[in-house]
């Protein structure tokens, strides 16, 4: 049995877990601190190192630190290559080296969405399948292609940015990356809420998030229901395009948008069926089973098996 400290560094919080890894993986203890991302990457890194040092010191069985982090990660060096403005100054942070110095332990760092996909593929809903396309649909949209327990990173570490596929429903919608027309701009939780806000009339109430919009759609608001249906249909088409290209044994969807109810799921499956080539049309579309533990467990899997 190996005991590791796993970290999940996101834009809102830094989650940690003590993971016992043997024939099975179990998070035996967990906690979190606010990221306070706008204080800047240097500040975030310092507090993450302090957290890791403190937790590792209080758990002497811990033999390593497995990290899932926001940003484009160089998994060989454990460094953050680049990051968006949601965490200023995070790009260029030598995170792995800093954590190793702070804890005196071996450290491995993986992008958080890659870690999420690896966790689901190897320990969650994807366990029966050799290859998995994992798509996380929450505040943003990310993903990972995992085959034989290994993440496809691409030449620059950004493989899996499925939220930045173009779709004709969104020619004038600005994505978080600054480009226009990407599915994240209207298929993500933040995107669909902004889209509804741009279209609503005087009779349509304002909403402050995806959950409120879902309640509005379920309550019979035609515009809210239309936004859910059209965005899910587009995501289904985009997913089919990826499946046509990569031919995974299964697709795993996770994140807050997967809890959006029948309007969303029916439209997504309809969009998938409309665009999937015949040989891949029966590719199973599954719901992630690990919840918030997916990136922690994926980071541990990467630490032990990469």
C-alpha atoms as a PDB file:
ATOM      1  CA  UNK A   1       0.000   0.000   0.000  1.00  0.00           C
ATOM      2  CA  UNK A   2       1.327   3.437  -1.004  1.00  0.00           C
ATOM      3  CA  UNK A   3       0.199   6.605   0.755  1.00  0.00           C
ATOM      4  CA  UNK A   4       0.291   9.828  -1.251  1.00  0.00           C
ATOM      5  CA  UNK A   5      -0.791  13.404  -0.789  1.00  0.00           C
ATOM      6  CA  UNK A   6      -2.921  14.441  -3.763  1.00  0.00           C
ATOM      7  CA  UNK A   7      -3.584  18.088  -4.614  1.00  0.00           C
ATOM      8  CA  UNK A   8      -6.225  19.521  -6.953  1.00  0.00           C
ATOM      9  CA  UNK A   9      -5.395  23.155  -7.741  1.00  0.00           C
ATOM     10  CA  UNK A  10      -8.308  24.938  -9.367  1.00  0.00           C
ATOM     11  CA  UNK A  11      -9.337  28.526  -9.855  1.00  0.00           C
ATOM     12  CA  UNK A  12     -11.653  28.550  -6.836  1.00  0.00           C
ATOM     13  CA  UNK A  13     -10.136  26.136  -4.338  1.00  0.00           C
ATOM     14  CA  UNK A  14      -7.141  23.920  -3.700  1.00  0.00           C
ATOM     15  CA  UNK A  15      -8.387  20.511  -2.649  1.00  0.00           C
ATOM     16  CA  UNK A  16      -6.182  17.941  -0.973  1.00  0.00           C
ATOM     17  CA  UNK A  17      -6.597  14.296  -0.106  1.00  0.00           C
ATOM     18  CA  UNK A  18      -4.636  11.519   1.532  1.00  0.00           C
ATOM     19  CA  UNK A  19      -4.875   8.607  -0.884  1.00  0.00           C
ATOM     20  CA  UNK A  20      -4.158   4.991   0.011  1.00  0.00           C
ATOM     21  CA  UNK A  21      -3.232   3.252  -3.233  1.00  0.00           C
ATOM     22  CA  UNK A  22      -3.013  -0.518  -3.602  1.00  0.00           C
ATOM     23  CA  UNK A  23      -5.343  -2.843  -5.473  1.00  0.00           C
ATOM     24  CA  UNK A  24      -7.870  -0.043  -5.029  1.00  0.00           C
ATOM     25  CA  UNK A  25      -7.489   3.694  -4.398  1.00  0.00           C
ATOM     26  CA  UNK A  26      -9.210   5.366  -1.476  1.00  0.00           C
ATOM     27  CA  UNK A  27      -9.267   8.991  -0.347  1.00  0.00           C
ATOM     28  CA  UNK A  28      -9.101   8.556   3.429  1.00  0.00           C
ATOM     29  CA  UNK A  29      -8.895  12.201   4.445  1.00  0.00           C
ATOM     30  CA  UNK A  30      -9.549  15.451   2.616  1.00  0.00           C
ATOM     31  CA  UNK A  31      -9.704  19.205   2.928  1.00  0.00           C
ATOM     32  CA  UNK A  32      -9.371  22.428   0.972  1.00  0.00           C
ATOM     33  CA  UNK A  33      -8.298  26.052   1.079  1.00  0.00           C
ATOM     34  CA  UNK A  34      -9.413  28.946  -1.131  1.00  0.00           C
ATOM     35  CA  UNK A  35      -7.205  29.482  -4.169  1.00  0.00           C
ATOM     36  CA  UNK A  36      -7.579  33.267  -4.094  1.00  0.00           C
ATOM     37  CA  UNK A  37      -6.373  33.120  -7.678  1.00  0.00           C
ATOM     38  CA  UNK A  38      -6.443  36.865  -8.279  1.00  0.00           C
ATOM     39  CA  UNK A  39      -3.717  37.337  -5.684  1.00  0.00           C
ATOM     40  CA  UNK A  40      -1.413  35.950  -8.369  1.00  0.00           C
ATOM     41  CA  UNK A  41       0.494  32.812  -9.183  1.00  0.00           C
ATOM     42  CA  UNK A  42       3.403  33.502  -6.853  1.00  0.00           C
ATOM     43  CA  UNK A  43       1.076  33.876  -3.881  1.00  0.00           C
ATOM     44  CA  UNK A  44      -0.921  30.776  -4.842  1.00  0.00           C
ATOM     45  CA  UNK A  45       2.235  28.702  -5.223  1.00  0.00           C
ATOM     46  CA  UNK A  46       3.555  29.811  -1.841  1.00  0.00           C
ATOM     47  CA  UNK A  47       0.314  28.871  -0.068  1.00  0.00           C
ATOM     48  CA  UNK A  48       0.075  25.536  -1.930  1.00  0.00           C
ATOM     49  CA  UNK A  49       3.627  24.704  -0.825  1.00  0.00           C
ATOM     50  CA  UNK A  50       2.812  25.679   2.753  1.00  0.00           C
ATOM     51  CA  UNK A  51      -0.310  23.499   2.659  1.00  0.00           C
ATOM     52  CA  UNK A  52       1.550  20.513   1.209  1.00  0.00           C
ATOM     53  CA  UNK A  53       4.380  20.838   3.705  1.00  0.00           C
ATOM     54  CA  UNK A  54       1.972  21.009   6.638  1.00  0.00           C
ATOM     55  CA  UNK A  55      -0.209  18.083   5.527  1.00  0.00           C
ATOM     56  CA  UNK A  56       2.780  15.892   4.631  1.00  0.00           C
ATOM     57  CA  UNK A  57       4.452  16.620   7.974  1.00  0.00           C
ATOM     58  CA  UNK A  58       1.315  15.559   9.847  1.00  0.00           C
ATOM     59  CA  UNK A  59       1.023  12.349   7.800  1.00  0.00           C
ATOM     60  CA  UNK A  60       4.434  10.647   8.020  1.00  0.00           C
ATOM     61  CA  UNK A  61       3.293   7.722   5.876  1.00  0.00           C
ATOM     62  CA  UNK A  62       3.016  10.022   2.840  1.00  0.00           C
ATOM     63  CA  UNK A  63       5.782   9.171   0.351  1.00  0.00           C
ATOM     64  CA  UNK A  64       4.981  11.510  -2.509  1.00  0.00           C
ATOM     65  CA  UNK A  65       2.853  14.382  -3.799  1.00  0.00           C
ATOM     66  CA  UNK A  66       0.544  13.875  -6.785  1.00  0.00           C
ATOM     67  CA  UNK A  67      -0.764  17.124  -8.268  1.00  0.00           C
ATOM     68  CA  UNK A  68      -3.618  18.016 -10.609  1.00  0.00           C
ATOM     69  CA  UNK A  69      -3.318  21.684 -11.552  1.00  0.00           C
ATOM     70  CA  UNK A  70      -5.056  24.260 -13.657  1.00  0.00           C
ATOM     71  CA  UNK A  71      -2.995  25.540 -16.563  1.00  0.00           C
ATOM     72  CA  UNK A  72      -1.011  23.923 -19.332  1.00  0.00           C
ATOM     73  CA  UNK A  73       1.441  21.589 -17.610  1.00  0.00           C
ATOM     74  CA  UNK A  74       4.754  20.143 -18.732  1.00  0.00           C
ATOM     75  CA  UNK A  75       4.316  16.737 -17.070  1.00  0.00           C
ATOM     76  CA  UNK A  76       8.001  15.837 -17.423  1.00  0.00           C
ATOM     77  CA  UNK A  77       9.239  18.963 -15.634  1.00  0.00           C
ATOM     78  CA  UNK A  78       6.195  19.475 -13.425  1.00  0.00           C
ATOM     79  CA  UNK A  79       6.045  23.132 -14.481  1.00  0.00           C
ATOM     80  CA  UNK A  80       3.084  25.311 -15.449  1.00  0.00           C
ATOM     81  CA  UNK A  81       3.812  26.313 -19.041  1.00  0.00           C
ATOM     82  CA  UNK A  82       0.953  28.776 -19.430  1.00  0.00           C
ATOM     83  CA  UNK A  83      -2.360  29.729 -17.850  1.00  0.00           C
ATOM     84  CA  UNK A  84      -5.312  32.002 -18.465  1.00  0.00           C
ATOM     85  CA  UNK A  85      -6.017  35.311 -16.787  1.00  0.00           C
ATOM     86  CA  UNK A  86      -8.188  33.582 -14.195  1.00  0.00           C
ATOM     87  CA  UNK A  87      -4.945  32.999 -12.263  1.00  0.00           C
ATOM     88  CA  UNK A  88      -2.535  35.815 -13.186  1.00  0.00           C
ATOM     89  CA  UNK A  89       1.110  34.856 -13.135  1.00  0.00           C
ATOM     90  CA  UNK A  90       0.465  31.109 -12.780  1.00  0.00           C
ATOM     91  CA  UNK A  91       2.142  30.428 -16.111  1.00  0.00           C
ATOM     92  CA  UNK A  92       5.859  29.845 -15.665  1.00  0.00           C
ATOM     93  CA  UNK A  93       5.540  28.522 -12.105  1.00  0.00           C
ATOM     94  CA  UNK A  94       8.015  25.643 -11.461  1.00  0.00           C
ATOM     95  CA  UNK A  95       5.388  23.972  -9.301  1.00  0.00           C
ATOM     96  CA  UNK A  96       6.879  20.499  -9.095  1.00  0.00           C
ATOM     97  CA  UNK A  97      10.303  21.758  -8.057  1.00  0.00           C
ATOM     98  CA  UNK A  98       8.785  24.123  -5.486  1.00  0.00           C
ATOM     99  CA  UNK A  99       6.680  21.384  -3.910  1.00  0.00           C
ATOM    100  CA  UNK A 100       9.611  18.971  -3.867  1.00  0.00           C
ATOM    101  CA  UNK A 101      11.713  21.544  -2.017  1.00  0.00           C
ATOM    102  CA  UNK A 102       8.890  22.342   0.412  1.00  0.00           C
ATOM    103  CA  UNK A 103       8.084  18.720   1.288  1.00  0.00           C
ATOM    104  CA  UNK A 104      11.281  16.794   0.571  1.00  0.00           C
ATOM    105  CA  UNK A 105       9.170  14.304  -1.399  1.00  0.00           C
ATOM    106  CA  UNK A 106       8.917  13.168  -5.000  1.00  0.00           C
ATOM    107  CA  UNK A 107       6.333  15.197  -6.912  1.00  0.00           C
ATOM    108  CA  UNK A 108       4.502  14.679 -10.188  1.00  0.00           C
ATOM    109  CA  UNK A 109       2.224  17.289 -11.762  1.00  0.00           C
ATOM    110  CA  UNK A 110      -0.549  16.808 -14.305  1.00  0.00           C
ATOM    111  CA  UNK A 111      -3.101  19.194 -15.792  1.00  0.00           C
ATOM    112  CA  UNK A 112      -6.303  19.023 -13.752  1.00  0.00           C
ATOM    113  CA  UNK A 113      -8.595  18.032 -16.627  1.00  0.00           C
ATOM    114  CA  UNK A 114      -6.088  15.437 -17.826  1.00  0.00           C
ATOM    115  CA  UNK A 115      -6.025  14.104 -14.270  1.00  0.00           C
ATOM    116  CA  UNK A 116      -9.810  14.081 -14.130  1.00  0.00           C
ATOM    117  CA  UNK A 117      -9.988  12.098 -17.370  1.00  0.00           C
ATOM    118  CA  UNK A 118      -7.292   9.668 -16.268  1.00  0.00           C
ATOM    119  CA  UNK A 119      -9.080   9.084 -12.985  1.00  0.00           C
ATOM    120  CA  UNK A 120     -12.398   8.326 -14.665  1.00  0.00           C
ATOM    121  CA  UNK A 121     -10.759   6.199 -17.369  1.00  0.00           C
ATOM    122  CA  UNK A 122      -8.721   3.999 -15.050  1.00  0.00           C
ATOM    123  CA  UNK A 123     -10.641   4.036 -11.773  1.00  0.00           C
ATOM    124  CA  UNK A 124     -14.138   5.250 -12.588  1.00  0.00           C
ATOM    125  CA  UNK A 125     -16.746   4.764 -15.289  1.00  0.00           C
ATOM    126  CA  UNK A 126     -14.127   3.952 -17.943  1.00  0.00           C
ATOM    127  CA  UNK A 127     -12.572   0.932 -16.226  1.00  0.00           C
ATOM    128  CA  UNK A 128     -14.047  -1.670 -18.620  1.00  0.00           C
ATOM    129  CA  UNK A 129     -12.721   0.173 -21.689  1.00  0.00           C
ATOM    130  CA  UNK A 130      -9.285   0.313 -23.278  1.00  0.00           C
ATOM    131  CA  UNK A 131      -9.734   3.866 -24.611  1.00  0.00           C
ATOM    132  CA  UNK A 132     -11.854   6.709 -23.291  1.00  0.00           C
ATOM    133  CA  UNK A 133     -12.694  10.217 -24.405  1.00  0.00           C
ATOM    134  CA  UNK A 134     -13.412  12.173 -21.218  1.00  0.00           C
ATOM    135  CA  UNK A 135     -15.243  15.495 -21.443  1.00  0.00           C
ATOM    136  CA  UNK A 136     -15.774  17.674 -18.371  1.00  0.00           C
ATOM    137  CA  UNK A 137     -18.603  20.185 -18.829  1.00  0.00           C
ATOM    138  CA  UNK A 138     -18.788  22.640 -15.963  1.00  0.00           C
ATOM    139  CA  UNK A 139     -17.908  26.317 -15.683  1.00  0.00           C
ATOM    140  CA  UNK A 140     -15.707  25.658 -18.731  1.00  0.00           C
ATOM    141  CA  UNK A 141     -15.204  22.629 -20.968  1.00  0.00           C
ATOM    142  CA  UNK A 142     -12.105  20.450 -20.987  1.00  0.00           C
ATOM    143  CA  UNK A 143     -11.234  16.898 -21.789  1.00  0.00           C
ATOM    144  CA  UNK A 144      -8.707  14.137 -22.199  1.00  0.00           C
ATOM    145  CA  UNK A 145      -8.146  11.140 -24.430  1.00  0.00           C
ATOM    146  CA  UNK A 146      -6.868   8.169 -22.425  1.00  0.00           C
ATOM    147  CA  UNK A 147      -5.728   4.917 -23.995  1.00  0.00           C
ATOM    148  CA  UNK A 148      -4.221   1.968 -22.123  1.00  0.00           C
ATOM    149  CA  UNK A 149      -4.031   4.107 -18.994  1.00  0.00           C
ATOM    150  CA  UNK A 150      -2.051   6.895 -20.631  1.00  0.00           C
ATOM    151  CA  UNK A 151      -3.120  10.450 -21.388  1.00  0.00           C
ATOM    152  CA  UNK A 152      -2.527  11.841 -24.878  1.00  0.00           C
ATOM    153  CA  UNK A 153      -0.755  15.161 -24.238  1.00  0.00           C
ATOM    154  CA  UNK A 154      -0.026  16.351 -27.771  1.00  0.00           C
ATOM    155  CA  UNK A 155       3.126  18.181 -28.811  1.00  0.00           C
ATOM    156  CA  UNK A 156       2.587  21.133 -26.437  1.00  0.00           C
ATOM    157  CA  UNK A 157       0.614  19.570 -23.604  1.00  0.00           C
ATOM    158  CA  UNK A 158      -2.739  21.069 -24.616  1.00  0.00           C
ATOM    159  CA  UNK A 159      -4.441  18.029 -26.161  1.00  0.00           C
ATOM    160  CA  UNK A 160      -7.935  17.721 -24.736  1.00  0.00           C
ATOM    161  CA  UNK A 161      -9.050  21.347 -25.032  1.00  0.00           C
ATOM    162  CA  UNK A 162     -12.343  20.185 -26.488  1.00  0.00           C
ATOM    163  CA  UNK A 163     -14.129  23.350 -25.423  1.00  0.00           C
ATOM    164  CA  UNK A 164     -12.347  25.175 -28.215  1.00  0.00           C
ATOM    165  CA  UNK A 165     -13.947  23.323 -31.100  1.00  0.00           C
ATOM    166  CA  UNK A 166     -15.792  25.655 -33.457  1.00  0.00           C
ATOM    167  CA  UNK A 167     -19.555  25.440 -33.893  1.00  0.00           C
ATOM    168  CA  UNK A 168     -21.804  27.310 -36.294  1.00  0.00           C
ATOM    169  CA  UNK A 169     -24.300  28.191 -33.534  1.00  0.00           C
ATOM    170  CA  UNK A 170     -21.733  30.555 -32.007  1.00  0.00           C
ATOM    171  CA  UNK A 171     -20.091  32.687 -34.705  1.00  0.00           C
ATOM    172  CA  UNK A 172     -20.221  35.871 -32.616  1.00  0.00           C
ATOM    173  CA  UNK A 173     -19.807  34.426 -29.116  1.00  0.00           C
ATOM    174  CA  UNK A 174     -16.473  35.157 -27.469  1.00  0.00           C
ATOM    175  CA  UNK A 175     -14.775  32.225 -25.772  1.00  0.00           C
ATOM    176  CA  UNK A 176     -12.650  32.375 -22.621  1.00  0.00           C
ATOM    177  CA  UNK A 177      -9.593  31.993 -24.860  1.00  0.00           C
ATOM    178  CA  UNK A 178     -10.496  35.213 -26.681  1.00  0.00           C
ATOM    179  CA  UNK A 179     -11.499  33.566 -29.949  1.00  0.00           C
ATOM    180  CA  UNK A 180     -15.050  33.469 -31.305  1.00  0.00           C
ATOM    181  CA  UNK A 181     -17.299  30.553 -32.111  1.00  0.00           C
ATOM    182  CA  UNK A 182     -15.992  27.920 -29.692  1.00  0.00           C
ATOM    183  CA  UNK A 183     -18.443  25.613 -27.933  1.00  0.00           C
ATOM    184  CA  UNK A 184     -17.269  26.668 -24.466  1.00  0.00           C
ATOM    185  CA  UNK A 185     -18.809  30.075 -25.138  1.00  0.00           C
ATOM    186  CA  UNK A 186     -22.343  28.645 -25.025  1.00  0.00           C
ATOM    187  CA  UNK A 187     -22.178  24.982 -23.956  1.00  0.00           C
ATOM    188  CA  UNK A 188     -20.403  25.448 -20.620  1.00  0.00           C
ATOM    189  CA  UNK A 189     -22.241  26.417 -17.444  1.00  0.00           C
ATOM    190  CA  UNK A 190     -20.975  29.975 -17.560  1.00  0.00           C
ATOM    191  CA  UNK A 191     -21.449  30.154 -21.321  1.00  0.00           C
ATOM    192  CA  UNK A 192     -25.061  29.013 -21.422  1.00  0.00           C
ATOM    193  CA  UNK A 193     -25.944  31.466 -18.657  1.00  0.00           C
ATOM    194  CA  UNK A 194     -24.332  34.342 -20.547  1.00  0.00           C
ATOM    195  CA  UNK A 195     -26.058  33.250 -23.760  1.00  0.00           C
ATOM    196  CA  UNK A 196     -29.459  33.248 -22.077  1.00  0.00           C
ATOM    197  CA  UNK A 197     -28.711  36.666 -20.613  1.00  0.00           C
ATOM    198  CA  UNK A 198     -27.901  38.073 -24.063  1.00  0.00           C
ATOM    199  CA  UNK A 199     -31.177  36.778 -25.514  1.00  0.00           C
ATOM    200  CA  UNK A 200     -33.704  37.316 -22.725  1.00  0.00           C
ATOM    201  CA  UNK A 201     -36.555  39.711 -23.053  1.00  0.00           C
ATOM    202  CA  UNK A 202     -38.437  41.702 -20.441  1.00  0.00           C
ATOM    203  CA  UNK A 203     -40.573  38.693 -19.503  1.00  0.00           C
ATOM    204  CA  UNK A 204     -37.559  36.427 -18.933  1.00  0.00           C
ATOM    205  CA  UNK A 205     -36.081  36.692 -15.421  1.00  0.00           C
ATOM    206  CA  UNK A 206     -32.383  37.226 -14.850  1.00  0.00           C
ATOM    207  CA  UNK A 207     -30.422  34.237 -13.530  1.00  0.00           C
ATOM    208  CA  UNK A 208     -27.116  34.061 -11.692  1.00  0.00           C
ATOM    209  CA  UNK A 209     -25.870  30.633 -12.740  1.00  0.00           C
ATOM    210  CA  UNK A 210     -26.509  27.346 -14.487  1.00  0.00           C
ATOM    211  CA  UNK A 211     -28.532  25.854 -11.639  1.00  0.00           C
ATOM    212  CA  UNK A 212     -30.930  28.794 -11.596  1.00  0.00           C
ATOM    213  CA  UNK A 213     -31.232  28.577 -15.377  1.00  0.00           C
ATOM    214  CA  UNK A 214     -32.001  24.865 -15.103  1.00  0.00           C
ATOM    215  CA  UNK A 215     -34.762  25.556 -12.606  1.00  0.00           C
ATOM    216  CA  UNK A 216     -36.167  28.153 -14.973  1.00  0.00           C
ATOM    217  CA  UNK A 217     -36.111  25.698 -17.879  1.00  0.00           C
ATOM    218  CA  UNK A 218     -37.763  22.969 -15.814  1.00  0.00           C
ATOM    219  CA  UNK A 219     -40.395  25.495 -14.771  1.00  0.00           C
ATOM    220  CA  UNK A 220     -41.422  26.011 -18.390  1.00  0.00           C
ATOM    221  CA  UNK A 221     -39.494  29.104 -19.497  1.00  0.00           C
ATOM    222  CA  UNK A 222     -39.241  28.659 -23.251  1.00  0.00           C
ATOM    223  CA  UNK A 223     -36.015  30.613 -23.745  1.00  0.00           C
ATOM    224  CA  UNK A 224     -34.183  28.788 -20.937  1.00  0.00           C
ATOM    225  CA  UNK A 225     -35.316  25.420 -22.305  1.00  0.00           C
ATOM    226  CA  UNK A 226     -34.249  26.423 -25.816  1.00  0.00           C
ATOM    227  CA  UNK A 227     -30.807  27.479 -24.607  1.00  0.00           C
ATOM    228  CA  UNK A 228     -30.328  24.136 -22.866  1.00  0.00           C
ATOM    229  CA  UNK A 229     -31.540  22.160 -25.868  1.00  0.00           C
ATOM    230  CA  UNK A 230     -29.513  24.026 -28.486  1.00  0.00           C
ATOM    231  CA  UNK A 231     -26.309  24.067 -26.458  1.00  0.00           C
ATOM    232  CA  UNK A 232     -26.603  20.369 -25.614  1.00  0.00           C
ATOM    233  CA  UNK A 233     -27.344  19.506 -29.246  1.00  0.00           C
ATOM    234  CA  UNK A 234     -24.229  21.404 -30.310  1.00  0.00           C
ATOM    235  CA  UNK A 235     -22.155  19.634 -27.653  1.00  0.00           C
ATOM    236  CA  UNK A 236     -23.501  16.322 -28.936  1.00  0.00           C
ATOM    237  CA  UNK A 237     -22.453  17.218 -32.481  1.00  0.00           C
ATOM    238  CA  UNK A 238     -18.999  18.267 -31.289  1.00  0.00           C
ATOM    239  CA  UNK A 239     -18.644  15.068 -29.271  1.00  0.00           C
ATOM    240  CA  UNK A 240     -19.585  13.022 -32.327  1.00  0.00           C
ATOM    241  CA  UNK A 241     -16.959  14.854 -34.376  1.00  0.00           C
ATOM    242  CA  UNK A 242     -14.328  13.946 -31.793  1.00  0.00           C
ATOM    243  CA  UNK A 243     -15.496  10.337 -31.708  1.00  0.00           C
ATOM    244  CA  UNK A 244     -15.397  10.193 -35.515  1.00  0.00           C
ATOM    245  CA  UNK A 245     -11.783  11.341 -35.309  1.00  0.00           C
ATOM    246  CA  UNK A 246     -10.413   9.451 -32.285  1.00  0.00           C
ATOM    247  CA  UNK A 247     -12.635   6.326 -32.157  1.00  0.00           C
ATOM    248  CA  UNK A 248     -12.691   5.797 -28.369  1.00  0.00           C
ATOM    249  CA  UNK A 249     -14.306   2.727 -26.872  1.00  0.00           C
ATOM    250  CA  UNK A 250     -16.445   4.993 -24.680  1.00  0.00           C
ATOM    251  CA  UNK A 251     -17.182   8.639 -23.919  1.00  0.00           C
ATOM    252  CA  UNK A 252     -17.415   9.823 -20.307  1.00  0.00           C
ATOM    253  CA  UNK A 253     -19.184  13.083 -19.546  1.00  0.00           C
ATOM    254  CA  UNK A 254     -18.787  14.692 -16.142  1.00  0.00           C
ATOM    255  CA  UNK A 255     -19.191  18.071 -14.513  1.00  0.00           C
ATOM    256  CA  UNK A 256     -22.107  20.165 -13.350  1.00  0.00           C
ATOM    257  CA  UNK A 257     -23.837  20.342 -16.732  1.00  0.00           C
ATOM    258  CA  UNK A 258     -24.388  16.571 -16.750  1.00  0.00           C
ATOM    259  CA  UNK A 259     -26.916  17.129 -13.960  1.00  0.00           C
ATOM    260  CA  UNK A 260     -29.055  19.307 -16.221  1.00  0.00           C
ATOM    261  CA  UNK A 261     -31.925  16.869 -16.718  1.00  0.00           C
ATOM    262  CA  UNK A 262     -33.785  15.359 -19.637  1.00  0.00           C
ATOM    263  CA  UNK A 263     -33.891  18.448 -21.863  1.00  0.00           C
ATOM    264  CA  UNK A 264     -30.099  18.552 -21.912  1.00  0.00           C
ATOM    265  CA  UNK A 265     -29.455  14.825 -22.205  1.00  0.00           C
ATOM    266  CA  UNK A 266     -32.083  14.210 -24.899  1.00  0.00           C
ATOM    267  CA  UNK A 267     -30.708  17.041 -27.035  1.00  0.00           C
ATOM    268  CA  UNK A 268     -27.109  15.929 -26.531  1.00  0.00           C
ATOM    269  CA  UNK A 269     -27.874  12.397 -27.661  1.00  0.00           C
ATOM    270  CA  UNK A 270     -29.839  13.751 -30.625  1.00  0.00           C
ATOM    271  CA  UNK A 271     -26.881  15.910 -31.665  1.00  0.00           C
ATOM    272  CA  UNK A 272     -24.510  12.985 -31.285  1.00  0.00           C
ATOM    273  CA  UNK A 273     -26.721  10.721 -33.397  1.00  0.00           C
ATOM    274  CA  UNK A 274     -26.974  13.382 -36.114  1.00  0.00           C
ATOM    275  CA  UNK A 275     -23.188  13.659 -36.557  1.00  0.00           C
ATOM    276  CA  UNK A 276     -21.677  10.317 -35.544  1.00  0.00           C
ATOM    277  CA  UNK A 277     -20.498   8.127 -38.406  1.00  0.00           C
ATOM    278  CA  UNK A 278     -22.230   4.737 -38.607  1.00  0.00           C
ATOM    279  CA  UNK A 279     -19.279   2.660 -37.296  1.00  0.00           C
ATOM    280  CA  UNK A 280     -19.104   4.721 -34.072  1.00  0.00           C
ATOM    281  CA  UNK A 281     -22.781   5.599 -33.656  1.00  0.00           C
ATOM    282  CA  UNK A 282     -23.232   3.079 -30.829  1.00  0.00           C
ATOM    283  CA  UNK A 283     -20.260   4.349 -28.787  1.00  0.00           C
ATOM    284  CA  UNK A 284     -21.512   4.381 -25.179  1.00  0.00           C
ATOM    285  CA  UNK A 285     -21.877   7.810 -23.575  1.00  0.00           C
ATOM    286  CA  UNK A 286     -21.419   7.400 -19.833  1.00  0.00           C
ATOM    287  CA  UNK A 287     -21.658   9.648 -16.804  1.00  0.00           C
ATOM    288  CA  UNK A 288     -18.548  10.028 -14.662  1.00  0.00           C
ATOM    289  CA  UNK A 289     -18.687   8.117 -11.387  1.00  0.00           C
ATOM    290  CA  UNK A 290     -15.896   9.656  -9.274  1.00  0.00           C
ATOM    291  CA  UNK A 291     -17.228  13.171  -8.787  1.00  0.00           C
ATOM    292  CA  UNK A 292     -14.769  15.592  -7.217  1.00  0.00           C
ATOM    293  CA  UNK A 293     -12.302  12.808  -6.417  1.00  0.00           C
ATOM    294  CA  UNK A 294     -11.545  12.185 -10.106  1.00  0.00           C
ATOM    295  CA  UNK A 295      -8.601  14.639 -10.401  1.00  0.00           C
ATOM    296  CA  UNK A 296      -7.113  13.518  -7.074  1.00  0.00           C
ATOM    297  CA  UNK A 297      -7.231   9.859  -8.061  1.00  0.00           C
ATOM    298  CA  UNK A 298      -6.057  10.583 -11.602  1.00  0.00           C
ATOM    299  CA  UNK A 299      -3.067  12.490 -10.255  1.00  0.00           C
ATOM    300  CA  UNK A 300      -2.204   9.509  -8.058  1.00  0.00           C
ATOM    301  CA  UNK A 301      -2.552   7.120 -10.993  1.00  0.00           C
ATOM    302  CA  UNK A 302      -0.200   9.318 -13.007  1.00  0.00           C
ATOM    303  CA  UNK A 303       2.303   9.469 -10.124  1.00  0.00           C
ATOM    304  CA  UNK A 304       2.386   5.682  -9.792  1.00  0.00           C
ATOM    305  CA  UNK A 305       2.187   4.556 -13.407  1.00  0.00           C
ATOM    306  CA  UNK A 306       3.397   7.278 -15.788  1.00  0.00           C
END
